[in-house]
Amino acid sequence: MASPIIPNTITVHLGAPDQSAENVTVPFADYIKNVASSEIYPTWPESAIRANVLAQISFALNRVFTEYYPSRGYDFDITSTTRYDQAYTQGGEVFENIGQIVDEIFNNYIVRQGRVEPLFAQFCDGVQTQCQGLSQWGTVYLANQGLTPYQILQYYYGSNIGIVENAPVGTNVPSYPGIPLQRGSFGEEVRQLQIELNRIGKNFPAIPAIPAVTGVFDVPTEQAVIKFQDVFNLYVDGIVGKATWYKVKEVYNGVKRLSELSSEGLTFSEAQQVYPSVLRYGDTGIAVRIVQYYLAFLGYFYPDLPPIAIDGIFGQETYDAVLTFQNKYGLDVDGIVGRQTWNELQRVYRATVRDLSPDYQTYIGEAYPGRFLVRGDTGAAVSRLQSNLRRIAESDSSIPAVQVTGEFDAATDAAVKALQRQLGFDPTGAVGPILWSEISTRGRGY
């Protein structure tokens, strides 16, 4: 779960959640101007207006950040009714002074100190309705007593709040990765899934803990997914498609109370991304090497893809290869490896390997199977892995001996981890494209 950004737009359902009504997508700042002009008065003291606007921003951002409605199967971010959210009047008048304030602070929001998510800044008018959060008319009284906007917010939400200022603005991208996650999948989405399942398991002990949060979808992750699906009456297949993904999100938000004023909250370490979701010119590291491996392999079959070195540096030749790939497969040609480019790169690679003639093995070596191999896997790819590991072990006593069984067993796991330590990799026991290439090369004596 990445740190929040201010979305360029927000989709508003013009009615109650289950009511048949129009969805409208509007710029986020315009949405806040409309809400503020519908909820409060332009004649109020400026400190009161600013405090209310910050509460309204935080409330809306909490809905977006937690995917409160998408995780429940809806196709919008927030509703227009105060029974559930905050007032939005399509085509409503925006007061000039309120609009100016919103333009100044629309990318500021409230958090608990030491927490990441926008505070679920509950509020009510304080006259006709009462609530645990901010009283809108009460802010007028406090402003007239000389309190600043921050002091007003502290009065209602506690002294342990902070204000995030000038947060980045960007596209609101759904958290679902766009393709199902299953055994052998890898990346930040898998890592977040593992974190969320482990937290859910504290409230639902039937869901087994995942011992190592590595970002690799291994057998323990699959077992946790299967039990989660069983507990929450989903189709049980161990694969995280869209329905399972958003059910995990909904339950996780629920056990963490992220959509409540008394939220457990997300720490910076929980929200920190370990694996980059976007790769661009100038980036370095293992994720870049994986992209380069795919592109270099595909270059054997598609001459229009320029040859590139697998060096972990996103330089000009990698940039040119990404541009060529994007143009060839009808993607946005921007030279950036985001979700769509990454998913298409994996799809094309797997399709190419699936249709690969055995004759090509002589020229290009053993093709990576297109998914991480993990303990518990079986099949021909595991047998090829074990054959190469056995040959490596014959000439390197630091690598444990492996039998060719076609089953990724404890001995195979130990050999893989030993080789990872030798190469300076994180010893996860999972074999991705870079390690596969290294094992294949060494195993064949090159």
Protein backbone atom coordinates (compact mmCIF):
# COMPACT_ATOMS: atom_id res chain seq x y z
CA MET A 1 0.00 0.00 0.00
CA ALA A 2 1.95 2.99 -1.30
CA SER A 3 1.99 6.38 0.38
CA PRO A 4 -0.97 8.59 -0.59
CA ILE A 5 -1.02 10.93 -3.54
CA ILE A 6 -3.60 13.57 -4.30
CA PRO A 7 -5.65 12.18 -7.20
CA ASN A 8 -6.10 14.35 -10.26
CA THR A 9 -9.77 13.36 -10.28
CA ILE A 10 -12.32 11.70 -8.04
CA THR A 11 -15.43 9.76 -9.12
CA VAL A 12 -18.58 10.72 -7.22
CA HIS A 13 -21.76 8.62 -7.11
CA LEU A 14 -24.71 11.02 -7.06
CA GLY A 15 -26.71 9.07 -4.51
CA ALA A 16 -26.47 6.40 -1.82
CA PRO A 17 -24.10 3.49 -2.56
CA ASP A 18 -26.83 1.01 -3.57
CA GLN A 19 -28.97 3.62 -5.30
CA SER A 20 -29.07 3.70 -9.08
CA ALA A 21 -27.50 7.07 -9.85
CA GLU A 22 -25.01 8.74 -12.14
CA ASN A 23 -21.28 8.69 -11.53
CA VAL A 24 -19.40 11.89 -12.29
CA THR A 25 -15.62 12.25 -12.44
CA VAL A 26 -14.36 15.71 -11.49
CA PRO A 27 -11.00 17.29 -10.65
CA PHE A 28 -10.22 16.66 -6.99
CA ALA A 29 -9.80 20.34 -6.15
CA ASP A 30 -13.14 21.16 -7.80
CA TYR A 31 -14.78 18.40 -5.77
CA ILE A 32 -13.48 19.89 -2.51
CA LYS A 33 -14.61 23.40 -3.54
CA ASN A 34 -18.09 22.05 -4.20
CA VAL A 35 -18.24 20.13 -0.90
CA ALA A 36 -16.94 23.05 1.12
CA SER A 37 -19.40 25.46 -0.52
CA SER A 38 -22.22 22.99 0.21
CA GLU A 39 -21.23 22.28 3.81
CA ILE A 40 -20.03 25.59 5.29
CA TYR A 41 -20.58 29.33 4.92
CA PRO A 42 -18.23 31.80 3.20
CA THR A 43 -18.89 34.35 5.98
CA TRP A 44 -17.26 32.14 8.61
CA PRO A 45 -13.85 33.14 10.01
CA GLU A 46 -11.00 32.04 7.74
CA SER A 47 -9.51 29.76 10.41
CA ALA A 48 -12.81 27.90 10.64
CA ILE A 49 -13.05 27.57 6.86
CA ARG A 50 -9.50 26.25 6.60
CA ALA A 51 -10.05 23.71 9.39
CA ASN A 52 -13.23 22.45 7.72
CA VAL A 53 -11.61 22.24 4.29
CA LEU A 54 -8.68 20.21 5.68
CA ALA A 55 -11.15 17.82 7.31
CA GLN A 56 -13.07 17.47 4.03
CA ILE A 57 -9.88 16.83 2.06
CA SER A 58 -8.72 14.18 4.55
CA PHE A 59 -12.11 12.47 4.59
CA ALA A 60 -12.20 12.21 0.79
CA LEU A 61 -8.56 11.08 0.54
CA ASN A 62 -9.20 8.37 3.12
CA ARG A 63 -12.00 7.01 0.93
CA VAL A 64 -9.69 7.04 -2.10
CA PHE A 65 -6.63 5.67 -0.30
CA THR A 66 -8.46 2.74 1.32
CA GLU A 67 -10.46 2.06 -1.89
CA TYR A 68 -13.44 1.91 0.43
CA TYR A 69 -16.06 1.59 -2.30
CA PRO A 70 -14.06 -0.29 -5.01
CA SER A 71 -13.20 -2.94 -2.40
CA ARG A 72 -16.95 -3.46 -1.96
CA GLY A 73 -17.54 -3.90 -5.66
CA TYR A 74 -18.56 -0.33 -6.58
CA ASP A 75 -17.15 1.65 -9.49
CA PHE A 76 -16.78 5.00 -7.72
CA ASP A 77 -14.65 6.61 -5.02
CA ILE A 78 -17.22 8.40 -2.87
CA THR A 79 -20.92 9.24 -2.70
CA SER A 80 -22.66 12.60 -2.63
CA THR A 81 -24.85 11.90 0.39
CA THR A 82 -24.00 12.99 3.93
CA ARG A 83 -25.44 9.78 5.35
CA TYR A 84 -22.29 8.05 4.11
CA ASP A 85 -19.86 10.72 3.00
CA GLN A 86 -20.04 14.48 2.44
CA ALA A 87 -22.33 16.75 0.47
CA TYR A 88 -21.65 17.21 -3.24
CA THR A 89 -24.09 19.14 -5.42
CA GLN A 90 -23.56 18.72 -9.14
CA GLY A 91 -23.37 22.17 -10.69
CA GLY A 92 -23.45 23.76 -7.25
CA GLU A 93 -22.21 27.28 -6.62
CA VAL A 94 -18.63 27.72 -5.40
CA PHE A 95 -17.94 30.72 -3.19
CA GLU A 96 -14.94 32.76 -4.27
CA ASN A 97 -13.09 32.88 -0.94
CA ILE A 98 -13.64 29.17 -0.34
CA GLY A 99 -12.36 28.37 -3.83
CA GLN A 100 -9.21 30.42 -3.23
CA ILE A 101 -8.51 28.60 0.03
CA VAL A 102 -9.03 25.20 -1.60
CA ASP A 103 -6.64 26.10 -4.43
CA GLU A 104 -4.04 26.90 -1.78
CA ILE A 105 -4.39 23.80 0.41
CA PHE A 106 -6.07 21.06 -1.68
CA ASN A 107 -2.92 18.92 -1.50
CA ASN A 108 -2.61 19.14 2.29
CA TYR A 109 -4.27 16.61 4.60
CA ILE A 110 -4.45 15.40 8.19
CA VAL A 111 -2.61 12.34 9.56
CA ARG A 112 -1.90 10.83 12.94
CA GLN A 113 1.73 11.44 13.84
CA GLY A 114 3.81 8.44 12.80
CA ARG A 115 1.07 7.21 10.46
CA VAL A 116 0.67 7.43 6.70
CA GLU A 117 -2.98 7.22 5.72
CA PRO A 118 -5.15 10.37 5.52
CA LEU A 119 -7.16 10.63 8.72
CA PHE A 120 -10.79 9.60 8.48
CA ALA A 121 -11.71 13.12 9.60
CA GLN A 122 -15.31 12.56 10.61
CA PHE A 123 -17.37 15.74 11.04
CA CYS A 124 -20.95 16.93 11.50
CA ASP A 125 -22.72 20.26 11.83
CA GLY A 126 -22.72 20.10 15.64
CA VAL A 127 -26.28 21.45 15.86
CA GLN A 128 -28.70 19.06 14.20
CA THR A 129 -26.29 16.12 14.33
CA GLN A 130 -23.54 15.20 16.76
CA CYS A 131 -20.52 12.95 16.13
CA GLN A 132 -17.14 11.98 17.57
CA GLY A 133 -15.26 14.24 15.18
CA LEU A 134 -15.31 17.88 14.23
CA SER A 135 -18.31 20.16 14.87
CA GLN A 136 -18.62 22.55 11.94
CA TRP A 137 -20.41 25.26 13.92
CA GLY A 138 -18.04 24.60 16.81
CA THR A 139 -15.12 25.60 14.58
CA VAL A 140 -16.68 29.05 14.24
CA TYR A 141 -16.72 29.51 18.01
CA LEU A 142 -13.10 28.33 18.32
CA ALA A 143 -11.94 30.54 15.44
CA ASN A 144 -13.59 33.54 17.12
CA GLN A 145 -11.61 32.66 20.25
CA GLY A 146 -8.42 33.10 18.23
CA LEU A 147 -7.50 29.46 17.56
CA THR A 148 -5.56 28.66 14.40
CA PRO A 149 -6.81 26.01 11.93
CA TYR A 150 -4.32 23.49 13.32
CA GLN A 151 -5.38 24.20 16.91
CA ILE A 152 -9.02 23.77 15.92
CA LEU A 153 -8.25 20.40 14.36
CA GLN A 154 -6.27 19.37 17.44
CA TYR A 155 -9.24 20.31 19.63
CA TYR A 156 -11.43 17.79 17.79
CA TYR A 157 -9.01 15.10 16.60
CA GLY A 158 -6.39 15.14 19.36
CA SER A 159 -2.95 16.61 19.89
CA ASN A 160 -1.23 13.79 18.02
CA ILE A 161 -2.23 14.91 14.53
CA GLY A 162 0.01 16.35 11.86
CA ILE A 163 -0.57 18.09 8.54
CA VAL A 164 1.03 16.73 5.39
CA GLU A 165 1.66 19.70 3.11
CA ASN A 166 2.21 19.86 -0.65
CA ALA A 167 1.60 16.16 -1.22
CA PRO A 168 2.30 14.96 -4.77
CA VAL A 169 -0.56 15.02 -7.28
CA GLY A 170 -1.00 12.18 -9.75
CA THR A 171 -3.26 9.66 -11.39
CA ASN A 172 -5.38 7.55 -9.09
CA VAL A 173 -4.34 4.06 -10.18
CA PRO A 174 -6.40 1.11 -8.82
CA SER A 175 -4.34 -1.11 -6.54
CA TYR A 176 -5.30 -4.34 -8.33
CA PRO A 177 -2.26 -5.22 -10.46
CA GLY A 178 -4.29 -5.94 -13.58
CA ILE A 179 -3.41 -9.64 -13.84
CA PRO A 180 -4.09 -12.43 -11.31
CA LEU A 181 -1.38 -13.17 -8.76
CA GLN A 182 -0.51 -16.81 -8.21
CA ARG A 183 2.34 -19.07 -7.22
CA GLY A 184 5.46 -17.75 -8.95
CA SER A 185 4.26 -14.13 -9.17
CA PHE A 186 6.68 -11.50 -7.91
CA GLY A 187 6.68 -7.83 -7.00
CA GLU A 188 5.38 -5.12 -4.71
CA GLU A 189 1.76 -6.23 -5.07
CA VAL A 190 2.70 -9.70 -3.79
CA ARG A 191 4.61 -8.20 -0.89
CA GLN A 192 1.66 -6.01 0.11
CA LEU A 193 -0.66 -9.01 -0.20
CA GLN A 194 1.58 -10.95 2.19
CA ILE A 195 1.62 -8.08 4.70
CA GLU A 196 -2.16 -7.73 4.55
CA LEU A 197 -2.85 -11.45 4.89
CA ASN A 198 -0.55 -11.68 7.90
CA ARG A 199 -2.36 -8.79 9.59
CA ILE A 200 -5.77 -10.28 8.80
CA GLY A 201 -4.56 -13.57 10.28
CA LYS A 202 -4.21 -11.92 13.71
CA ASN A 203 -7.99 -11.46 13.74
CA PHE A 204 -8.75 -14.67 11.83
CA PRO A 205 -6.29 -17.27 13.20
CA ALA A 206 -7.49 -19.95 10.77
CA ILE A 207 -5.52 -18.11 8.07
CA PRO A 208 -1.93 -19.41 8.35
CA ALA A 209 0.91 -16.93 8.77
CA ILE A 210 3.30 -16.36 5.88
CA PRO A 211 6.74 -16.81 7.50
CA ALA A 212 8.73 -14.65 5.07
CA VAL A 213 7.42 -11.50 3.39
CA THR A 214 9.62 -11.58 0.30
CA GLY A 215 7.42 -10.35 -2.54
CA VAL A 216 7.50 -13.84 -4.09
CA PHE A 217 4.19 -15.72 -4.22
CA ASP A 218 5.33 -18.97 -2.63
CA VAL A 219 3.52 -22.00 -1.20
CA PRO A 220 2.86 -20.43 2.25
CA THR A 221 1.30 -17.43 0.48
CA GLU A 222 -0.82 -19.76 -1.64
CA GLN A 223 -1.96 -21.62 1.48
CA ALA A 224 -2.90 -18.35 3.20
CA VAL A 225 -4.85 -17.26 0.11
CA ILE A 226 -6.69 -20.59 -0.07
CA LYS A 227 -7.76 -20.35 3.57
CA PHE A 228 -8.75 -16.70 3.18
CA GLN A 229 -10.93 -17.61 0.21
CA ASP A 230 -12.51 -20.42 2.21
CA VAL A 231 -13.18 -18.24 5.26
CA PHE A 232 -14.78 -15.46 3.22
CA ASN A 233 -16.78 -17.67 0.86
CA LEU A 234 -14.82 -16.93 -2.29
CA TYR A 235 -13.96 -19.36 -5.06
CA VAL A 236 -11.09 -21.40 -3.61
CA ASP A 237 -8.24 -21.70 -6.10
CA GLY A 238 -5.27 -20.01 -4.40
CA ILE A 239 -5.17 -17.39 -7.14
CA VAL A 240 -5.65 -13.71 -6.32
CA GLY A 241 -7.89 -12.33 -9.02
CA LYS A 242 -9.79 -9.08 -8.74
CA ALA A 243 -12.51 -10.44 -6.42
CA THR A 244 -10.01 -11.93 -3.95
CA TRP A 245 -7.71 -8.90 -4.16
CA TYR A 246 -10.44 -6.45 -3.19
CA LYS A 247 -11.87 -8.74 -0.52
CA VAL A 248 -8.42 -8.86 1.08
CA LYS A 249 -8.32 -5.06 0.85
CA GLU A 250 -11.77 -4.70 2.43
CA VAL A 251 -11.00 -7.07 5.32
CA TYR A 252 -7.56 -5.54 5.89
CA ASN A 253 -9.02 -2.04 6.06
CA GLY A 254 -11.63 -3.39 8.46
CA VAL A 255 -9.24 -5.05 10.92
CA LYS A 256 -6.96 -1.99 10.80
CA ARG A 257 -10.01 0.32 11.08
CA LEU A 258 -8.46 2.54 8.43
CA SER A 259 -11.85 4.05 7.59
CA GLU A 260 -12.57 5.01 11.19
CA LEU A 261 -11.52 7.89 13.40
CA SER A 262 -9.97 5.39 15.83
CA SER A 263 -7.80 3.78 13.14
CA GLU A 264 -4.91 1.50 14.07
CA GLY A 265 -3.12 3.26 11.23
CA LEU A 266 -0.36 2.40 8.80
CA THR A 267 3.24 2.97 9.76
CA PHE A 268 5.82 4.26 7.32
CA SER A 269 7.45 0.82 7.16
CA GLU A 270 4.10 -0.81 6.27
CA ALA A 271 3.52 1.65 3.45
CA GLN A 272 7.09 1.68 2.16
CA GLN A 273 7.59 0.18 -1.27
CA VAL A 274 10.49 -2.27 -1.54
CA TYR A 275 10.06 -3.11 -5.21
CA PRO A 276 9.52 -0.17 -7.58
CA SER A 277 6.16 -0.01 -9.32
CA VAL A 278 7.59 2.13 -12.14
CA LEU A 279 10.98 1.92 -13.82
CA ARG A 280 12.41 4.75 -15.91
CA TYR A 281 15.62 6.10 -17.40
CA GLY A 282 18.36 6.32 -14.76
CA ASP A 283 17.00 3.58 -12.46
CA THR A 284 19.23 0.70 -11.40
CA GLY A 285 18.89 -2.63 -9.63
CA ILE A 286 17.48 -6.13 -9.88
CA ALA A 287 14.09 -4.98 -11.21
CA VAL A 288 15.83 -3.29 -14.15
CA ARG A 289 17.82 -6.47 -14.82
CA ILE A 290 14.59 -8.49 -14.96
CA VAL A 291 13.12 -6.13 -17.56
CA GLN A 292 16.37 -6.29 -19.52
CA TYR A 293 16.33 -10.09 -19.41
CA TYR A 294 12.86 -10.21 -20.95
CA LEU A 295 13.71 -7.66 -23.62
CA ALA A 296 17.03 -9.30 -24.46
CA PHE A 297 15.38 -12.72 -24.79
CA LEU A 298 12.59 -11.38 -26.98
CA GLY A 299 15.22 -9.73 -29.15
CA TYR A 300 16.16 -13.21 -30.44
CA PHE A 301 12.74 -13.50 -32.07
CA TYR A 302 11.83 -9.90 -32.89
CA PRO A 303 14.67 -8.24 -34.83
CA ASP A 304 13.12 -4.78 -34.41
CA LEU A 305 13.94 -4.96 -30.69
CA PRO A 306 17.47 -3.57 -30.29
CA PRO A 307 20.03 -5.73 -28.43
CA ILE A 308 20.68 -4.71 -24.83
CA ALA A 309 23.05 -5.69 -22.04
CA ILE A 310 21.66 -7.13 -18.80
CA ASP A 311 23.58 -4.81 -16.48
CA GLY A 312 20.87 -3.45 -14.17
CA ILE A 313 21.23 0.09 -15.51
CA PHE A 314 18.25 1.71 -17.23
CA GLY A 315 20.32 3.56 -19.79
CA GLN A 316 19.76 4.68 -23.36
CA GLU A 317 19.76 1.22 -24.95
CA THR A 318 17.20 -0.08 -22.44
CA TYR A 319 15.12 3.05 -22.96
CA ASP A 320 15.20 2.54 -26.73
CA ALA A 321 14.22 -1.12 -26.35
CA VAL A 322 11.28 -0.21 -24.09
CA LEU A 323 10.10 2.40 -26.62
CA THR A 324 10.29 -0.16 -29.42
CA PHE A 325 8.41 -2.77 -27.39
CA GLN A 326 5.69 -0.31 -26.43
CA ASN A 327 5.23 0.81 -30.02
CA LYS A 328 5.10 -2.79 -31.28
CA TYR A 329 2.37 -3.80 -28.81
CA GLY A 330 0.18 -0.71 -28.89
CA LEU A 331 1.12 0.71 -25.49
CA ASP A 332 1.72 4.33 -24.52
CA VAL A 333 5.17 5.03 -25.98
CA ASP A 334 6.86 6.83 -23.08
CA GLY A 335 9.92 4.67 -22.32
CA ILE A 336 8.61 4.03 -18.79
CA VAL A 337 7.96 0.51 -17.51
CA GLY A 338 4.73 0.92 -15.58
CA ARG A 339 2.03 -1.64 -14.86
CA GLN A 340 0.71 -1.98 -18.43
CA THR A 341 4.15 -2.33 -20.00
CA TRP A 342 5.28 -4.80 -17.32
CA ASN A 343 2.15 -6.95 -17.69
CA GLU A 344 2.45 -6.97 -21.49
CA LEU A 345 6.16 -7.78 -21.28
CA GLN A 346 5.39 -10.82 -19.13
CA ARG A 347 2.52 -11.89 -21.38
CA VAL A 348 4.62 -11.72 -24.56
CA TYR A 349 7.54 -13.50 -22.92
CA ARG A 350 5.39 -16.36 -21.64
CA ALA A 351 3.65 -16.75 -25.01
CA THR A 352 7.03 -16.84 -26.74
CA VAL A 353 8.42 -19.47 -24.35
CA ARG A 354 5.25 -21.55 -24.66
CA ASP A 355 5.60 -21.65 -28.45
CA LEU A 356 9.36 -22.08 -28.44
CA SER A 357 10.80 -24.79 -30.69
CA PRO A 358 13.21 -27.15 -28.86
CA ASP A 359 15.79 -26.37 -31.53
CA TYR A 360 16.24 -22.89 -30.12
CA GLN A 361 17.62 -24.29 -26.86
CA THR A 362 20.88 -25.02 -28.67
CA TYR A 363 21.34 -21.36 -29.56
CA ILE A 364 19.93 -19.40 -26.65
CA GLY A 365 20.11 -21.77 -23.70
CA GLU A 366 17.31 -22.91 -21.42
CA ALA A 367 14.47 -20.40 -21.39
CA TYR A 368 13.26 -19.07 -18.06
CA PRO A 369 9.76 -20.54 -17.56
CA GLY A 370 8.16 -17.11 -17.12
CA ARG A 371 7.41 -17.34 -13.39
CA PHE A 372 9.46 -17.58 -10.22
CA LEU A 373 10.15 -21.17 -9.19
CA VAL A 374 9.59 -21.79 -5.48
CA ARG A 375 9.70 -24.68 -3.06
CA GLY A 376 6.80 -27.05 -3.73
CA ASP A 377 6.84 -26.59 -7.51
CA THR A 378 7.12 -29.62 -9.77
CA GLY A 379 7.71 -30.28 -13.45
CA ALA A 380 10.21 -30.08 -16.27
CA ALA A 381 11.45 -26.59 -15.38
CA VAL A 382 12.33 -27.78 -11.87
CA SER A 383 14.17 -30.77 -13.35
CA ARG A 384 16.24 -28.46 -15.56
CA LEU A 385 16.99 -26.27 -12.57
CA GLN A 386 18.11 -29.26 -10.51
CA SER A 387 20.29 -30.61 -13.31
CA ASN A 388 22.17 -27.35 -13.51
CA LEU A 389 22.44 -27.02 -9.74
CA ARG A 390 23.85 -30.55 -9.54
CA ARG A 391 26.52 -29.71 -12.11
CA ILE A 392 27.38 -26.50 -10.24
CA ALA A 393 27.68 -28.44 -6.97
CA GLU A 394 30.10 -30.92 -8.57
CA SER A 395 32.63 -28.14 -9.07
CA ASP A 396 31.69 -25.88 -6.12
CA SER A 397 31.69 -27.50 -2.69
CA SER A 398 29.85 -24.53 -1.14
CA ILE A 399 26.68 -25.52 -3.03
CA PRO A 400 24.81 -28.51 -1.52
CA ALA A 401 24.23 -31.52 -3.75
CA VAL A 402 20.86 -31.83 -5.46
CA GLN A 403 19.05 -34.84 -6.92
CA VAL A 404 17.03 -34.45 -10.13
CA THR A 405 13.52 -35.34 -8.95
CA GLY A 406 11.38 -32.72 -10.67
CA GLU A 407 10.20 -31.55 -7.24
CA PHE A 408 11.48 -28.30 -5.71
CA ASP A 409 12.30 -29.91 -2.37
CA ALA A 410 14.29 -28.91 0.71
CA ALA A 411 17.62 -29.87 -0.88
CA THR A 412 16.89 -27.73 -3.94
CA ASP A 413 15.84 -24.87 -1.70
CA ALA A 414 19.11 -25.14 0.27
CA ALA A 415 21.20 -25.15 -2.93
CA VAL A 416 19.38 -22.14 -4.35
CA LYS A 417 19.82 -20.18 -1.12
CA ALA A 418 23.52 -21.05 -0.96
CA LEU A 419 24.01 -19.80 -4.49
CA GLN A 420 22.02 -16.63 -3.76
CA ARG A 421 24.26 -15.88 -0.76
CA GLN A 422 27.33 -16.48 -2.91
CA LEU A 423 26.06 -14.00 -5.50
CA GLY A 424 25.05 -11.42 -2.92
CA PHE A 425 21.31 -11.88 -3.52
CA ASP A 426 18.64 -11.97 -0.84
CA PRO A 427 18.41 -15.71 0.05
CA THR A 428 14.70 -16.18 -0.61
CA GLY A 429 15.02 -19.61 -2.23
CA ALA A 430 12.97 -18.36 -5.17
CA VAL A 431 14.41 -18.56 -8.68
CA GLY A 432 13.62 -15.60 -10.89
CA PRO A 433 14.92 -14.81 -14.38
CA ILE A 434 18.29 -13.40 -13.33
CA LEU A 435 19.13 -16.30 -11.02
CA TRP A 436 17.77 -18.77 -13.59
CA SER A 437 20.09 -17.28 -16.20
CA GLU A 438 23.07 -17.48 -13.84
CA ILE A 439 22.32 -21.10 -12.89
CA SER A 440 21.80 -22.11 -16.52
CA THR A 441 25.03 -20.45 -17.63
CA ARG A 442 27.15 -21.95 -14.85
CA GLY A 443 25.45 -25.32 -15.09
CA ARG A 444 26.31 -25.57 -18.78
CA GLY A 445 29.92 -24.56 -18.12
CA TYR A 446 29.85 -21.12 -19.78
